[in-house]
N, C-alpha and C. Protein backbone atom coordinates (compact mmCIF):
# COMPACT_ATOMS: atom_id res chain seq x y z
N MET A 1 100.93 112.08 89.55
CA MET A 1 101.20 112.19 90.97
C MET A 1 101.23 113.66 91.34
N HIS A 2 100.54 114.03 92.39
CA HIS A 2 100.45 115.44 92.77
C HIS A 2 100.99 115.70 94.17
N ASP A 3 101.83 114.83 94.68
CA ASP A 3 102.37 115.07 96.00
C ASP A 3 103.77 115.67 95.88
N SER A 4 104.36 115.99 97.03
CA SER A 4 105.68 116.62 97.04
C SER A 4 106.74 115.75 96.38
N SER A 5 106.59 114.44 96.51
CA SER A 5 107.61 113.56 95.95
C SER A 5 107.62 113.57 94.43
N ALA A 6 106.58 114.10 93.79
CA ALA A 6 106.53 114.13 92.33
C ALA A 6 107.65 114.99 91.76
N SER A 7 108.08 116.00 92.48
CA SER A 7 109.13 116.89 91.99
C SER A 7 110.48 116.61 92.63
N PHE A 8 110.54 115.63 93.50
CA PHE A 8 111.79 115.27 94.17
C PHE A 8 112.53 114.28 93.27
N ARG A 9 113.53 114.78 92.54
CA ARG A 9 114.23 113.98 91.54
C ARG A 9 115.73 114.11 91.69
N CYS A 10 116.43 113.16 91.11
CA CYS A 10 117.89 113.23 91.07
C CYS A 10 118.28 114.46 90.26
N PRO A 11 119.17 115.30 90.77
CA PRO A 11 119.55 116.51 90.03
C PRO A 11 120.37 116.21 88.77
N LEU A 12 120.93 115.02 88.66
CA LEU A 12 121.73 114.70 87.48
C LEU A 12 120.92 114.01 86.39
N CYS A 13 120.22 112.92 86.75
CA CYS A 13 119.53 112.14 85.72
C CYS A 13 118.03 112.40 85.70
N ARG A 14 117.52 113.13 86.66
CA ARG A 14 116.10 113.49 86.77
C ARG A 14 115.20 112.28 87.09
N ASP A 15 115.79 111.14 87.49
CA ASP A 15 115.00 109.97 87.87
C ASP A 15 114.29 110.25 89.19
N ARG A 16 113.05 109.82 89.30
CA ARG A 16 112.27 110.07 90.51
C ARG A 16 112.19 108.84 91.40
N ASP A 17 111.80 107.71 90.84
CA ASP A 17 111.50 106.53 91.65
C ASP A 17 112.72 105.98 92.39
N GLU A 18 113.79 105.73 91.67
CA GLU A 18 114.99 105.18 92.31
C GLU A 18 115.59 106.18 93.29
N PHE A 19 115.58 107.47 92.92
CA PHE A 19 116.12 108.51 93.79
C PHE A 19 115.32 108.60 95.09
N LEU A 20 114.00 108.60 94.98
CA LEU A 20 113.14 108.67 96.16
C LEU A 20 113.37 107.47 97.07
N ALA A 21 113.48 106.28 96.49
CA ALA A 21 113.73 105.08 97.29
C ALA A 21 115.07 105.18 98.02
N GLU A 22 116.09 105.69 97.34
CA GLU A 22 117.41 105.84 97.96
C GLU A 22 117.37 106.87 99.09
N MET A 23 116.66 107.96 98.88
CA MET A 23 116.55 108.98 99.93
C MET A 23 115.82 108.42 101.15
N LEU A 24 114.78 107.65 100.93
CA LEU A 24 114.06 107.03 102.05
C LEU A 24 114.97 106.08 102.82
N THR A 25 115.81 105.34 102.10
CA THR A 25 116.78 104.45 102.74
C THR A 25 117.74 105.24 103.61
N MET A 26 118.08 106.45 103.18
CA MET A 26 119.00 107.30 103.93
C MET A 26 118.30 108.08 105.04
N GLY A 27 116.99 107.91 105.16
CA GLY A 27 116.26 108.58 106.23
C GLY A 27 115.67 109.92 105.85
N ILE A 28 115.71 110.28 104.59
CA ILE A 28 115.14 111.54 104.14
C ILE A 28 113.70 111.28 103.73
N ARG A 29 112.78 111.84 104.46
CA ARG A 29 111.35 111.61 104.22
C ARG A 29 110.76 112.81 103.47
N ILE A 30 109.92 112.52 102.50
CA ILE A 30 109.25 113.55 101.71
C ILE A 30 107.76 113.49 102.04
N PRO A 31 107.18 114.59 102.52
CA PRO A 31 105.75 114.58 102.85
C PRO A 31 104.89 114.41 101.60
N ILE A 32 103.81 113.68 101.77
CA ILE A 32 102.88 113.48 100.65
C ILE A 32 101.74 114.47 100.83
N SER A 33 101.85 115.58 100.13
CA SER A 33 100.82 116.62 100.16
C SER A 33 100.87 117.36 98.84
N PRO A 34 99.73 117.89 98.39
CA PRO A 34 99.76 118.62 97.12
C PRO A 34 100.56 119.91 97.25
N PRO A 35 101.35 120.24 96.24
CA PRO A 35 102.11 121.49 96.30
C PRO A 35 101.19 122.70 96.15
N SER A 36 101.60 123.79 96.78
CA SER A 36 100.86 125.04 96.64
C SER A 36 101.11 125.59 95.23
N PRO A 37 100.29 126.56 94.77
CA PRO A 37 100.54 127.15 93.44
C PRO A 37 101.95 127.74 93.32
N GLU A 38 102.44 128.35 94.40
CA GLU A 38 103.79 128.92 94.36
C GLU A 38 104.83 127.82 94.19
N GLU A 39 104.63 126.70 94.91
CA GLU A 39 105.56 125.59 94.79
C GLU A 39 105.51 124.98 93.40
N SER A 40 104.34 124.91 92.81
CA SER A 40 104.20 124.36 91.46
C SER A 40 105.02 125.16 90.46
N GLN A 41 105.00 126.49 90.59
CA GLN A 41 105.79 127.33 89.69
C GLN A 41 107.28 127.13 89.92
N ALA A 42 107.67 126.99 91.18
CA ALA A 42 109.08 126.76 91.50
C ALA A 42 109.54 125.42 90.95
N TYR A 43 108.70 124.39 91.06
CA TYR A 43 109.05 123.07 90.53
C TYR A 43 109.23 123.12 89.03
N ALA A 44 108.40 123.87 88.34
CA ALA A 44 108.51 123.97 86.88
C ALA A 44 109.86 124.57 86.50
N ALA A 45 110.30 125.58 87.24
CA ALA A 45 111.59 126.20 86.95
C ALA A 45 112.74 125.23 87.23
N GLN A 46 112.61 124.40 88.26
CA GLN A 46 113.67 123.46 88.62
C GLN A 46 113.79 122.32 87.63
N SER A 47 112.73 122.00 86.92
CA SER A 47 112.77 120.86 86.01
C SER A 47 113.52 121.17 84.71
N GLU A 48 113.85 122.43 84.48
CA GLU A 48 114.60 122.79 83.29
C GLU A 48 116.08 122.47 83.51
N ARG A 49 116.69 121.89 82.50
CA ARG A 49 118.10 121.52 82.55
C ARG A 49 118.95 122.78 82.37
N HIS A 50 120.04 122.87 83.12
CA HIS A 50 120.96 124.00 82.98
C HIS A 50 121.50 124.00 81.55
N SER A 51 121.52 125.16 80.91
CA SER A 51 121.87 125.17 79.49
C SER A 51 122.72 126.36 79.06
N ARG A 52 123.65 126.76 79.92
CA ARG A 52 124.52 127.85 79.50
C ARG A 52 125.91 127.68 80.09
N CYS A 53 126.88 128.23 79.39
CA CYS A 53 128.27 128.19 79.83
C CYS A 53 128.48 129.25 80.90
N GLY A 54 129.00 128.85 82.03
CA GLY A 54 129.24 129.78 83.11
C GLY A 54 130.71 130.05 83.34
N ALA A 55 131.56 129.70 82.37
CA ALA A 55 132.99 129.95 82.51
C ALA A 55 133.22 131.45 82.64
N SER A 56 134.26 131.82 83.36
CA SER A 56 134.54 133.24 83.56
C SER A 56 134.72 133.96 82.23
N ARG A 57 135.23 133.25 81.22
CA ARG A 57 135.37 133.83 79.88
C ARG A 57 134.88 132.80 78.86
N CYS A 58 133.69 132.97 78.35
CA CYS A 58 133.13 132.05 77.35
C CYS A 58 133.74 132.39 75.99
N LEU A 59 134.30 131.38 75.34
CA LEU A 59 134.97 131.55 74.05
C LEU A 59 134.11 131.17 72.86
N CYS A 60 132.94 130.65 73.11
CA CYS A 60 132.08 130.13 72.04
C CYS A 60 131.60 131.26 71.14
N PRO A 61 131.82 131.16 69.81
CA PRO A 61 131.36 132.21 68.89
C PRO A 61 129.85 132.39 68.92
N GLY A 62 129.13 131.33 69.25
CA GLY A 62 127.66 131.40 69.31
C GLY A 62 127.15 131.90 70.64
N GLY A 63 128.03 132.13 71.59
CA GLY A 63 127.64 132.64 72.89
C GLY A 63 127.42 131.55 73.94
N ARG A 64 127.13 131.99 75.14
CA ARG A 64 126.99 131.09 76.29
C ARG A 64 125.84 130.09 76.15
N GLU A 65 124.83 130.45 75.37
CA GLU A 65 123.64 129.59 75.24
C GLU A 65 123.82 128.48 74.21
N GLN A 66 124.81 128.59 73.32
CA GLN A 66 125.00 127.58 72.27
C GLN A 66 125.61 126.31 72.87
N ALA A 67 125.11 125.16 72.43
CA ALA A 67 125.67 123.88 72.86
C ALA A 67 125.56 122.88 71.72
N GLU A 68 126.57 122.06 71.59
CA GLU A 68 126.58 121.01 70.58
C GLU A 68 126.65 119.66 71.26
N GLU A 69 126.30 118.61 70.53
CA GLU A 69 126.32 117.24 71.07
C GLU A 69 127.75 116.80 71.40
N ARG A 70 128.71 117.18 70.56
CA ARG A 70 130.11 116.79 70.72
C ARG A 70 131.00 117.95 70.32
N GLY A 71 132.27 117.80 70.62
CA GLY A 71 133.24 118.79 70.18
C GLY A 71 133.50 119.88 71.21
N PRO A 72 134.20 120.93 70.79
CA PRO A 72 134.62 121.97 71.73
C PRO A 72 133.46 122.75 72.34
N TRP A 73 132.31 122.76 71.69
CA TRP A 73 131.18 123.53 72.21
C TRP A 73 130.13 122.64 72.87
N GLN A 74 130.56 121.41 73.21
CA GLN A 74 129.69 120.54 74.01
C GLN A 74 129.61 121.14 75.41
N LEU A 75 128.41 121.23 75.94
CA LEU A 75 128.20 121.79 77.27
C LEU A 75 128.20 120.67 78.29
N LEU A 76 129.15 120.71 79.21
CA LEU A 76 129.21 119.73 80.29
C LEU A 76 128.61 120.35 81.54
N LEU A 77 127.79 119.59 82.23
CA LEU A 77 127.24 120.04 83.51
C LEU A 77 128.10 119.47 84.63
N CYS A 78 128.16 120.18 85.73
CA CYS A 78 128.89 119.71 86.90
C CYS A 78 128.35 118.34 87.29
N ARG A 79 129.24 117.37 87.46
CA ARG A 79 128.78 116.01 87.78
C ARG A 79 128.25 115.91 89.20
N SER A 80 128.55 116.88 90.05
CA SER A 80 128.09 116.82 91.44
C SER A 80 126.76 117.52 91.66
N CYS A 81 126.59 118.71 91.07
CA CYS A 81 125.37 119.48 91.35
C CYS A 81 124.49 119.72 90.12
N ALA A 82 125.04 119.61 88.93
CA ALA A 82 124.33 119.87 87.67
C ALA A 82 123.75 121.28 87.61
N ALA A 83 124.22 122.16 88.46
CA ALA A 83 123.71 123.53 88.49
C ALA A 83 124.60 124.51 87.74
N GLU A 84 125.77 124.06 87.32
CA GLU A 84 126.69 124.90 86.55
C GLU A 84 127.11 124.12 85.31
N GLY A 85 127.47 124.86 84.27
CA GLY A 85 127.90 124.22 83.04
C GLY A 85 129.05 124.97 82.40
N THR A 86 129.76 124.29 81.51
CA THR A 86 130.86 124.91 80.78
C THR A 86 131.02 124.22 79.43
N HIS A 87 131.41 125.00 78.43
CA HIS A 87 131.81 124.40 77.15
C HIS A 87 133.17 123.74 77.38
N ARG A 88 133.43 122.66 76.66
CA ARG A 88 134.73 122.00 76.78
C ARG A 88 135.89 122.98 76.57
N ARG A 89 135.82 123.75 75.48
CA ARG A 89 136.92 124.65 75.16
C ARG A 89 137.07 125.76 76.21
N CYS A 90 135.97 126.26 76.74
CA CYS A 90 136.03 127.38 77.68
C CYS A 90 136.75 127.02 78.97
N SER A 91 136.76 125.75 79.34
CA SER A 91 137.47 125.30 80.53
C SER A 91 138.63 124.38 80.18
N SER A 92 139.06 124.41 78.92
CA SER A 92 140.21 123.62 78.44
C SER A 92 140.07 122.14 78.76
N LEU A 93 138.89 121.58 78.51
CA LEU A 93 138.64 120.16 78.76
C LEU A 93 138.83 119.38 77.47
N SER A 94 139.67 118.37 77.51
CA SER A 94 139.90 117.56 76.31
C SER A 94 138.70 116.65 76.05
N SER A 95 138.66 116.08 74.86
CA SER A 95 137.55 115.20 74.51
C SER A 95 137.59 113.90 75.31
N SER A 96 138.73 113.58 75.94
CA SER A 96 138.83 112.37 76.76
C SER A 96 138.27 112.57 78.17
N MET A 97 138.00 113.80 78.53
CA MET A 97 137.44 114.06 79.85
C MET A 97 135.96 113.72 79.85
N ALA A 98 135.57 112.80 80.70
CA ALA A 98 134.19 112.32 80.73
C ALA A 98 133.31 113.14 81.67
N SER A 99 133.92 113.85 82.61
CA SER A 99 133.12 114.62 83.56
C SER A 99 133.88 115.85 84.03
N TRP A 100 133.16 116.71 84.72
CA TRP A 100 133.71 117.98 85.17
C TRP A 100 133.00 118.39 86.45
N ASP A 101 133.72 119.03 87.37
CA ASP A 101 133.13 119.57 88.60
C ASP A 101 133.32 121.07 88.62
N CYS A 102 132.27 121.80 88.97
CA CYS A 102 132.38 123.26 89.07
C CYS A 102 133.28 123.62 90.26
N ASP A 103 133.72 124.87 90.32
CA ASP A 103 134.61 125.31 91.38
C ASP A 103 133.99 125.13 92.76
N ILE A 104 132.71 125.35 92.88
CA ILE A 104 132.06 125.24 94.18
C ILE A 104 132.10 123.80 94.67
N CYS A 105 131.76 122.84 93.80
CA CYS A 105 131.75 121.43 94.20
C CYS A 105 133.16 120.86 94.35
N ALA A 106 134.08 121.29 93.49
CA ALA A 106 135.43 120.75 93.53
C ALA A 106 136.26 121.40 94.63
N GLY A 107 135.98 122.64 94.93
CA GLY A 107 136.83 123.38 95.86
C GLY A 107 138.00 123.93 95.08
N LEU A 108 138.20 125.21 95.11
CA LEU A 108 139.29 125.83 94.36
C LEU A 108 140.63 125.26 94.79
N GLY A 109 141.48 124.98 93.81
CA GLY A 109 142.82 124.50 94.09
C GLY A 109 142.90 123.01 94.37
N THR A 110 141.82 122.28 94.21
CA THR A 110 141.88 120.83 94.43
C THR A 110 142.15 120.14 93.11
N CYS A 111 142.36 118.86 93.16
CA CYS A 111 142.62 118.08 91.95
C CYS A 111 141.36 117.36 91.49
N LYS A 112 140.21 117.81 91.91
CA LYS A 112 138.97 117.13 91.58
C LYS A 112 138.29 117.74 90.36
N ARG A 113 138.91 118.70 89.70
CA ARG A 113 138.27 119.43 88.61
C ARG A 113 137.78 118.56 87.47
N GLN A 114 138.54 117.59 87.07
CA GLN A 114 138.19 116.79 85.91
C GLN A 114 138.56 115.35 86.20
N SER A 115 137.96 114.42 85.48
CA SER A 115 138.40 113.04 85.58
C SER A 115 138.43 112.43 84.19
N LYS A 116 139.44 111.63 83.96
CA LYS A 116 139.57 110.97 82.66
C LYS A 116 138.54 109.86 82.56
N ALA A 117 138.32 109.40 81.36
CA ALA A 117 137.21 108.49 81.10
C ALA A 117 137.06 107.34 82.07
N PRO A 118 137.86 106.49 82.52
CA PRO A 118 137.34 105.60 83.53
C PRO A 118 137.36 106.17 84.94
N GLY A 119 137.93 107.30 85.23
CA GLY A 119 137.74 107.86 86.56
C GLY A 119 138.98 108.35 87.26
N CYS A 120 140.10 108.40 86.63
CA CYS A 120 141.34 108.86 87.25
C CYS A 120 141.41 110.38 87.17
N PRO A 121 141.71 111.07 88.28
CA PRO A 121 141.76 112.53 88.22
C PRO A 121 142.80 113.00 87.22
N GLY A 122 142.48 114.02 86.50
CA GLY A 122 143.39 114.56 85.51
C GLY A 122 143.86 115.93 85.92
N ALA A 123 145.03 116.28 85.49
CA ALA A 123 145.48 117.64 85.71
C ALA A 123 144.83 118.47 84.63
N GLY A 124 144.23 119.54 85.00
CA GLY A 124 143.51 120.28 83.98
C GLY A 124 143.50 121.76 84.24
N ALA A 125 142.72 122.42 83.47
CA ALA A 125 142.61 123.86 83.55
C ALA A 125 142.06 124.28 84.89
N ARG A 126 142.53 125.36 85.38
CA ARG A 126 142.02 125.91 86.62
C ARG A 126 141.08 127.08 86.34
N GLN A 127 140.89 127.41 85.06
CA GLN A 127 139.92 128.46 84.71
C GLN A 127 138.55 127.88 84.99
N GLY A 128 137.74 128.58 85.75
CA GLY A 128 136.46 128.01 86.11
C GLY A 128 135.34 129.01 86.05
N LEU A 129 134.41 128.83 86.93
CA LEU A 129 133.20 129.65 86.95
C LEU A 129 133.34 130.77 87.96
N TRP A 130 132.64 131.83 87.68
CA TRP A 130 132.56 132.91 88.65
C TRP A 130 131.75 132.41 89.83
N PRO A 131 132.12 132.71 91.07
CA PRO A 131 131.31 132.29 92.21
C PRO A 131 129.95 132.96 92.16
N GLY A 132 128.96 132.23 92.65
CA GLY A 132 127.61 132.80 92.75
C GLY A 132 126.89 132.60 91.54
């Protein structure tokens, strides 16, 4: 597919078809036209998954770029925007925390920072990401 909708995907799961159908239901229309060369390069950059810890102080011995499948160096992406990430240990997230919201999405000082495995807000660390 070479139209604009080819790169219009869910920012969390990267699904295209279901996301596009949902956006159309909400009234968001995507023009069907081939992307320009500049747009093609921009789309390629957007398709890469965020892969670094953005905590104000990264504690990982392997650095901000290291990520593991599980454990303290598991990299969690913001459940709202997927544009920011943090290691569990760097933001004091326990292994029972299933999701995390960055400061921008959560709003500083709110109780939306973390949620326990079925979805109840948890009291957690307020150490977060640098703005911007």
